[in-house]
């Protein structure tokens, strides 16, 4: 049974799944859905009525939410790189970090970018300020986290790093980091040099000209 992924190269949450699939060279078919396009969303509304990407289908099974998709693949396919540790307590740490990247990087970034598409009178200035403040806190947290370890959860690449790569790539444009975050910058370089991350991030590049990604 073939995997089909409803997603888009520029979608940050789709990129997390792309990285996981590329990491273990798992074949899949991409059903490209333009984020925010209601007509495109109708293609998979019967699978996920919230019309959010990514959505994965595998035979009769369909799954939504990027972290769940990655974990499903990790459990059901032969992988060289386990993205969730077998030890339950270590897996909890990876899941926590994955949620942190989603909630304190990806969600604020979506808020900032989404607000820029609105008319002036519709913009949420306070909400954007809070999103930027969250990113600043997240930078400090992450710089301390990776000060003495190779990857987010230690010395093994994991689901948390799949989430971190698109988060840091987008954040570098919206909220460029300062030089004092030397550990974060070194970690970001390691991510961007990893083949699976590089492939997913490079696929998004052609679409960036369509987005308002100027530094805040």
C-alpha atoms as a PDB file:
ATOM      1  CA  UNK A   1       0.000   0.000   0.000  1.00  0.00           C
ATOM      2  CA  UNK A   2       1.345   3.377  -1.019  1.00  0.00           C
ATOM      3  CA  UNK A   3       1.525   6.418   1.200  1.00  0.00           C
ATOM      4  CA  UNK A   4      -0.188   9.548  -0.092  1.00  0.00           C
ATOM      5  CA  UNK A   5       0.481  12.842   1.603  1.00  0.00           C
ATOM      6  CA  UNK A   6      -1.842  15.807   1.202  1.00  0.00           C
ATOM      7  CA  UNK A   7       0.460  18.752   1.828  1.00  0.00           C
ATOM      8  CA  UNK A   8       2.557  21.470   0.250  1.00  0.00           C
ATOM      9  CA  UNK A   9       6.300  22.217   0.150  1.00  0.00           C
ATOM     10  CA  UNK A  10       5.833  25.665   1.729  1.00  0.00           C
ATOM     11  CA  UNK A  11       3.673  24.397   4.610  1.00  0.00           C
ATOM     12  CA  UNK A  12       5.785  24.308   7.767  1.00  0.00           C
ATOM     13  CA  UNK A  13       3.907  21.359   9.225  1.00  0.00           C
ATOM     14  CA  UNK A  14       4.129  19.491   5.912  1.00  0.00           C
ATOM     15  CA  UNK A  15       7.880  20.079   5.905  1.00  0.00           C
ATOM     16  CA  UNK A  16       8.160  18.253   9.219  1.00  0.00           C
ATOM     17  CA  UNK A  17       6.616  15.170   7.615  1.00  0.00           C
ATOM     18  CA  UNK A  18       8.711  15.499   4.450  1.00  0.00           C
ATOM     19  CA  UNK A  19      11.869  15.465   6.559  1.00  0.00           C
ATOM     20  CA  UNK A  20      10.774  12.303   8.377  1.00  0.00           C
ATOM     21  CA  UNK A  21       9.978  10.541   5.085  1.00  0.00           C
ATOM     22  CA  UNK A  22      13.200  11.675   3.409  1.00  0.00           C
ATOM     23  CA  UNK A  23      15.242  10.700   6.469  1.00  0.00           C
ATOM     24  CA  UNK A  24      14.321   7.057   5.974  1.00  0.00           C
ATOM     25  CA  UNK A  25      13.849   7.153   2.189  1.00  0.00           C
ATOM     26  CA  UNK A  26      10.200   6.122   2.471  1.00  0.00           C
ATOM     27  CA  UNK A  27       8.416   6.523  -0.887  1.00  0.00           C
ATOM     28  CA  UNK A  28       5.202   8.522  -1.010  1.00  0.00           C
ATOM     29  CA  UNK A  29       2.986  10.400  -3.427  1.00  0.00           C
ATOM     30  CA  UNK A  30       2.479  14.086  -2.754  1.00  0.00           C
ATOM     31  CA  UNK A  31      -1.001  15.396  -3.426  1.00  0.00           C
ATOM     32  CA  UNK A  32      -0.170  19.093  -3.468  1.00  0.00           C
ATOM     33  CA  UNK A  33      -2.661  21.319  -1.653  1.00  0.00           C
ATOM     34  CA  UNK A  34      -2.164  25.089  -1.572  1.00  0.00           C
ATOM     35  CA  UNK A  35      -2.418  26.254   2.066  1.00  0.00           C
ATOM     36  CA  UNK A  36      -5.489  28.390   2.628  1.00  0.00           C
ATOM     37  CA  UNK A  37      -7.030  27.599  -0.771  1.00  0.00           C
ATOM     38  CA  UNK A  38     -10.600  26.499  -0.090  1.00  0.00           C
ATOM     39  CA  UNK A  39     -10.997  24.804  -3.474  1.00  0.00           C
ATOM     40  CA  UNK A  40      -7.885  22.735  -2.891  1.00  0.00           C
ATOM     41  CA  UNK A  41      -8.994  21.925   0.638  1.00  0.00           C
ATOM     42  CA  UNK A  42     -12.177  20.331  -0.652  1.00  0.00           C
ATOM     43  CA  UNK A  43     -10.041  17.564  -2.182  1.00  0.00           C
ATOM     44  CA  UNK A  44      -9.424  16.027   1.229  1.00  0.00           C
ATOM     45  CA  UNK A  45     -12.238  17.451   3.396  1.00  0.00           C
ATOM     46  CA  UNK A  46     -13.773  13.973   3.517  1.00  0.00           C
ATOM     47  CA  UNK A  47     -10.564  12.767   5.190  1.00  0.00           C
ATOM     48  CA  UNK A  48     -10.155  15.645   7.639  1.00  0.00           C
ATOM     49  CA  UNK A  49     -13.069  18.104   7.928  1.00  0.00           C
ATOM     50  CA  UNK A  50     -10.876  20.769   9.539  1.00  0.00           C
ATOM     51  CA  UNK A  51      -9.139  21.078   6.145  1.00  0.00           C
ATOM     52  CA  UNK A  52      -5.670  21.476   7.578  1.00  0.00           C
ATOM     53  CA  UNK A  53      -2.555  19.952   6.074  1.00  0.00           C
ATOM     54  CA  UNK A  54      -0.765  17.606   6.205  1.00  0.00           C
ATOM     55  CA  UNK A  55      -3.015  14.544   5.967  1.00  0.00           C
ATOM     56  CA  UNK A  56      -1.623  11.071   5.247  1.00  0.00           C
ATOM     57  CA  UNK A  57      -3.472   8.151   3.693  1.00  0.00           C
ATOM     58  CA  UNK A  58      -2.224   4.572   3.791  1.00  0.00           C
ATOM     59  CA  UNK A  59      -4.739   2.165   2.329  1.00  0.00           C
ATOM     60  CA  UNK A  60      -8.032   2.710   4.126  1.00  0.00           C
ATOM     61  CA  UNK A  61      -6.378   4.571   6.997  1.00  0.00           C
ATOM     62  CA  UNK A  62      -6.051   8.341   7.100  1.00  0.00           C
ATOM     63  CA  UNK A  63      -4.183  10.386   9.686  1.00  0.00           C
ATOM     64  CA  UNK A  64      -3.910  14.093  10.368  1.00  0.00           C
ATOM     65  CA  UNK A  65      -1.527  16.183  12.472  1.00  0.00           C
ATOM     66  CA  UNK A  66       2.143  16.166  11.528  1.00  0.00           C
ATOM     67  CA  UNK A  67       3.485  14.602  14.734  1.00  0.00           C
ATOM     68  CA  UNK A  68       1.003  11.730  14.580  1.00  0.00           C
ATOM     69  CA  UNK A  69       1.875  11.110  10.923  1.00  0.00           C
ATOM     70  CA  UNK A  70       5.593  10.931  11.701  1.00  0.00           C
ATOM     71  CA  UNK A  71       5.001   8.568  14.594  1.00  0.00           C
ATOM     72  CA  UNK A  72       2.766   6.354  12.453  1.00  0.00           C
ATOM     73  CA  UNK A  73       5.478   6.037   9.812  1.00  0.00           C
ATOM     74  CA  UNK A  74       8.081   5.364  12.505  1.00  0.00           C
ATOM     75  CA  UNK A  75       5.949   2.520  13.877  1.00  0.00           C
ATOM     76  CA  UNK A  76       4.839   0.928  10.627  1.00  0.00           C
ATOM     77  CA  UNK A  77       7.759   1.132   8.210  1.00  0.00           C
ATOM     78  CA  UNK A  78      11.320  -0.209   8.289  1.00  0.00           C
ATOM     79  CA  UNK A  79      13.469   2.741   9.293  1.00  0.00           C
ATOM     80  CA  UNK A  80      17.190   3.269   9.676  1.00  0.00           C
ATOM     81  CA  UNK A  81      16.628   6.296  11.891  1.00  0.00           C
ATOM     82  CA  UNK A  82      14.065   5.819  14.650  1.00  0.00           C
ATOM     83  CA  UNK A  83      12.452   9.207  15.154  1.00  0.00           C
ATOM     84  CA  UNK A  84      10.768   8.171  18.417  1.00  0.00           C
ATOM     85  CA  UNK A  85      12.974   6.334  20.925  1.00  0.00           C
ATOM     86  CA  UNK A  86      11.890   2.863  21.974  1.00  0.00           C
ATOM     87  CA  UNK A  87      12.323   3.794  25.638  1.00  0.00           C
ATOM     88  CA  UNK A  88       8.999   5.273  26.771  1.00  0.00           C
ATOM     89  CA  UNK A  89      10.548   7.970  28.965  1.00  0.00           C
ATOM     90  CA  UNK A  90      12.955   9.082  26.233  1.00  0.00           C
ATOM     91  CA  UNK A  91      10.026   9.169  23.815  1.00  0.00           C
ATOM     92  CA  UNK A  92       8.161  11.507  26.172  1.00  0.00           C
ATOM     93  CA  UNK A  93      11.096  13.911  26.049  1.00  0.00           C
ATOM     94  CA  UNK A  94      11.072  13.895  22.232  1.00  0.00           C
ATOM     95  CA  UNK A  95       7.303  14.444  22.118  1.00  0.00           C
ATOM     96  CA  UNK A  96       7.577  17.341  24.558  1.00  0.00           C
ATOM     97  CA  UNK A  97      10.266  19.016  22.456  1.00  0.00           C
ATOM     98  CA  UNK A  98       8.267  18.423  19.283  1.00  0.00           C
ATOM     99  CA  UNK A  99       5.275  20.170  20.866  1.00  0.00           C
ATOM    100  CA  UNK A 100       7.534  23.010  21.988  1.00  0.00           C
ATOM    101  CA  UNK A 101       8.764  23.611  18.433  1.00  0.00           C
ATOM    102  CA  UNK A 102       5.199  23.503  17.147  1.00  0.00           C
ATOM    103  CA  UNK A 103       3.683  25.742  19.800  1.00  0.00           C
ATOM    104  CA  UNK A 104       6.480  28.235  20.400  1.00  0.00           C
ATOM    105  CA  UNK A 105       7.977  28.488  16.918  1.00  0.00           C
ATOM    106  CA  UNK A 106       5.588  27.276  14.223  1.00  0.00           C
ATOM    107  CA  UNK A 107       2.333  28.653  15.663  1.00  0.00           C
ATOM    108  CA  UNK A 108       3.755  32.156  16.343  1.00  0.00           C
ATOM    109  CA  UNK A 109       5.300  32.190  12.851  1.00  0.00           C
ATOM    110  CA  UNK A 110       1.947  31.305  11.300  1.00  0.00           C
ATOM    111  CA  UNK A 111       0.348  34.109  13.306  1.00  0.00           C
ATOM    112  CA  UNK A 112       2.872  36.668  12.071  1.00  0.00           C
ATOM    113  CA  UNK A 113       2.732  35.593   8.423  1.00  0.00           C
ATOM    114  CA  UNK A 114      -1.045  35.229   8.407  1.00  0.00           C
ATOM    115  CA  UNK A 115      -1.498  38.705   9.871  1.00  0.00           C
ATOM    116  CA  UNK A 116       0.502  40.220   7.016  1.00  0.00           C
ATOM    117  CA  UNK A 117      -2.052  38.976   4.501  1.00  0.00           C
ATOM    118  CA  UNK A 118      -4.841  40.931   6.208  1.00  0.00           C
ATOM    119  CA  UNK A 119      -6.050  44.419   5.434  1.00  0.00           C
ATOM    120  CA  UNK A 120      -4.622  47.066   7.754  1.00  0.00           C
ATOM    121  CA  UNK A 121      -7.849  47.457   9.734  1.00  0.00           C
ATOM    122  CA  UNK A 122      -8.065  43.699  10.333  1.00  0.00           C
ATOM    123  CA  UNK A 123      -4.560  43.211  11.663  1.00  0.00           C
ATOM    124  CA  UNK A 124      -3.928  42.012  15.190  1.00  0.00           C
ATOM    125  CA  UNK A 125      -1.029  44.168  16.360  1.00  0.00           C
ATOM    126  CA  UNK A 126      -1.099  42.894  19.940  1.00  0.00           C
ATOM    127  CA  UNK A 127      -1.290  39.283  18.799  1.00  0.00           C
ATOM    128  CA  UNK A 128       1.731  39.736  16.538  1.00  0.00           C
ATOM    129  CA  UNK A 129       3.700  41.416  19.330  1.00  0.00           C
ATOM    130  CA  UNK A 130       2.954  38.458  21.577  1.00  0.00           C
ATOM    131  CA  UNK A 131       4.023  36.041  18.833  1.00  0.00           C
ATOM    132  CA  UNK A 132       7.333  37.874  18.411  1.00  0.00           C
ATOM    133  CA  UNK A 133       7.882  37.865  22.174  1.00  0.00           C
ATOM    134  CA  UNK A 134       7.248  34.110  22.203  1.00  0.00           C
ATOM    135  CA  UNK A 135       9.883  33.627  19.503  1.00  0.00           C
ATOM    136  CA  UNK A 136      12.404  35.625  21.522  1.00  0.00           C
ATOM    137  CA  UNK A 137      11.819  33.400  24.558  1.00  0.00           C
ATOM    138  CA  UNK A 138      12.029  30.321  22.347  1.00  0.00           C
ATOM    139  CA  UNK A 139      15.407  31.406  20.967  1.00  0.00           C
ATOM    140  CA  UNK A 140      16.863  31.716  24.456  1.00  0.00           C
ATOM    141  CA  UNK A 141      15.400  28.360  25.506  1.00  0.00           C
ATOM    142  CA  UNK A 142      16.710  26.563  22.433  1.00  0.00           C
ATOM    143  CA  UNK A 143      20.183  28.107  22.680  1.00  0.00           C
ATOM    144  CA  UNK A 144      20.485  26.684  26.186  1.00  0.00           C
ATOM    145  CA  UNK A 145      18.983  23.322  25.187  1.00  0.00           C
ATOM    146  CA  UNK A 146      21.521  22.557  22.453  1.00  0.00           C
ATOM    147  CA  UNK A 147      24.542  24.045  24.198  1.00  0.00           C
ATOM    148  CA  UNK A 148      26.082  20.638  24.927  1.00  0.00           C
ATOM    149  CA  UNK A 149      24.298  18.207  22.618  1.00  0.00           C
ATOM    150  CA  UNK A 150      24.139  17.568  18.896  1.00  0.00           C
ATOM    151  CA  UNK A 151      20.374  17.327  18.427  1.00  0.00           C
ATOM    152  CA  UNK A 152      17.339  18.635  20.258  1.00  0.00           C
ATOM    153  CA  UNK A 153      16.815  15.544  22.397  1.00  0.00           C
ATOM    154  CA  UNK A 154      20.446  14.518  22.782  1.00  0.00           C
ATOM    155  CA  UNK A 155      22.791  12.801  20.370  1.00  0.00           C
ATOM    156  CA  UNK A 156      20.199  11.138  18.111  1.00  0.00           C
ATOM    157  CA  UNK A 157      18.206  12.849  15.356  1.00  0.00           C
ATOM    158  CA  UNK A 158      14.490  12.612  16.190  1.00  0.00           C
ATOM    159  CA  UNK A 159      10.962  13.867  15.584  1.00  0.00           C
ATOM    160  CA  UNK A 160      11.910  16.994  17.531  1.00  0.00           C
ATOM    161  CA  UNK A 161      14.550  17.860  14.930  1.00  0.00           C
ATOM    162  CA  UNK A 162      12.066  17.250  12.101  1.00  0.00           C
ATOM    163  CA  UNK A 163       9.959  19.979  13.708  1.00  0.00           C
ATOM    164  CA  UNK A 164      12.915  22.249  14.432  1.00  0.00           C
ATOM    165  CA  UNK A 165      14.269  22.520  10.888  1.00  0.00           C
ATOM    166  CA  UNK A 166      11.266  24.217   9.227  1.00  0.00           C
ATOM    167  CA  UNK A 167      10.700  26.297  12.359  1.00  0.00           C
ATOM    168  CA  UNK A 168      14.234  27.691  12.354  1.00  0.00           C
ATOM    169  CA  UNK A 169      14.347  28.164   8.574  1.00  0.00           C
ATOM    170  CA  UNK A 170      11.227  30.315   8.638  1.00  0.00           C
ATOM    171  CA  UNK A 171      12.135  32.090  11.878  1.00  0.00           C
ATOM    172  CA  UNK A 172      15.502  33.100  10.390  1.00  0.00           C
ATOM    173  CA  UNK A 173      13.610  35.250   7.887  1.00  0.00           C
ATOM    174  CA  UNK A 174      10.925  36.638  10.171  1.00  0.00           C
ATOM    175  CA  UNK A 175      12.958  37.128  13.348  1.00  0.00           C
ATOM    176  CA  UNK A 176      16.686  36.797  12.578  1.00  0.00           C
ATOM    177  CA  UNK A 177      18.681  35.500  15.532  1.00  0.00           C
ATOM    178  CA  UNK A 178      21.422  37.521  17.153  1.00  0.00           C
ATOM    179  CA  UNK A 179      25.023  36.349  17.252  1.00  0.00           C
ATOM    180  CA  UNK A 180      24.883  35.680  20.975  1.00  0.00           C
ATOM    181  CA  UNK A 181      22.758  32.609  20.251  1.00  0.00           C
ATOM    182  CA  UNK A 182      25.851  30.734  19.091  1.00  0.00           C
ATOM    183  CA  UNK A 183      24.617  27.288  20.173  1.00  0.00           C
ATOM    184  CA  UNK A 184      21.306  27.757  18.378  1.00  0.00           C
ATOM    185  CA  UNK A 185      23.070  28.923  15.220  1.00  0.00           C
ATOM    186  CA  UNK A 186      25.420  25.924  15.276  1.00  0.00           C
ATOM    187  CA  UNK A 187      22.440  23.591  15.763  1.00  0.00           C
ATOM    188  CA  UNK A 188      20.628  25.272  12.886  1.00  0.00           C
ATOM    189  CA  UNK A 189      23.668  24.717  10.662  1.00  0.00           C
ATOM    190  CA  UNK A 190      23.702  21.020  11.580  1.00  0.00           C
ATOM    191  CA  UNK A 191      20.034  20.745  10.670  1.00  0.00           C
ATOM    192  CA  UNK A 192      20.429  22.563   7.377  1.00  0.00           C
ATOM    193  CA  UNK A 193      23.387  20.340   6.436  1.00  0.00           C
ATOM    194  CA  UNK A 194      21.437  17.124   7.013  1.00  0.00           C
ATOM    195  CA  UNK A 195      20.274  15.727   3.687  1.00  0.00           C
ATOM    196  CA  UNK A 196      16.643  15.113   4.687  1.00  0.00           C
ATOM    197  CA  UNK A 197      16.250  18.663   6.013  1.00  0.00           C
ATOM    198  CA  UNK A 198      18.070  20.190   3.072  1.00  0.00           C
ATOM    199  CA  UNK A 199      15.806  18.422   0.582  1.00  0.00           C
ATOM    200  CA  UNK A 200      12.592  19.555   2.294  1.00  0.00           C
ATOM    201  CA  UNK A 201      13.738  23.140   2.810  1.00  0.00           C
ATOM    202  CA  UNK A 202      15.052  23.535  -0.723  1.00  0.00           C
ATOM    203  CA  UNK A 203      11.679  22.404  -2.103  1.00  0.00           C
ATOM    204  CA  UNK A 204      10.032  25.310  -0.265  1.00  0.00           C
ATOM    205  CA  UNK A 205      12.391  27.983  -1.585  1.00  0.00           C
ATOM    206  CA  UNK A 206      10.580  28.698  -4.892  1.00  0.00           C
ATOM    207  CA  UNK A 207       7.416  29.578  -2.975  1.00  0.00           C
ATOM    208  CA  UNK A 208       8.986  31.989  -0.498  1.00  0.00           C
ATOM    209  CA  UNK A 209       8.777  34.885  -2.948  1.00  0.00           C
ATOM    210  CA  UNK A 210       4.981  34.622  -2.606  1.00  0.00           C
ATOM    211  CA  UNK A 211       5.069  35.084   1.164  1.00  0.00           C
ATOM    212  CA  UNK A 212       5.610  38.210   3.297  1.00  0.00           C
ATOM    213  CA  UNK A 213       8.767  36.999   5.048  1.00  0.00           C
ATOM    214  CA  UNK A 214      10.490  40.302   5.736  1.00  0.00           C
ATOM    215  CA  UNK A 215      12.196  40.606   9.143  1.00  0.00           C
ATOM    216  CA  UNK A 216       9.908  41.874  11.881  1.00  0.00           C
END
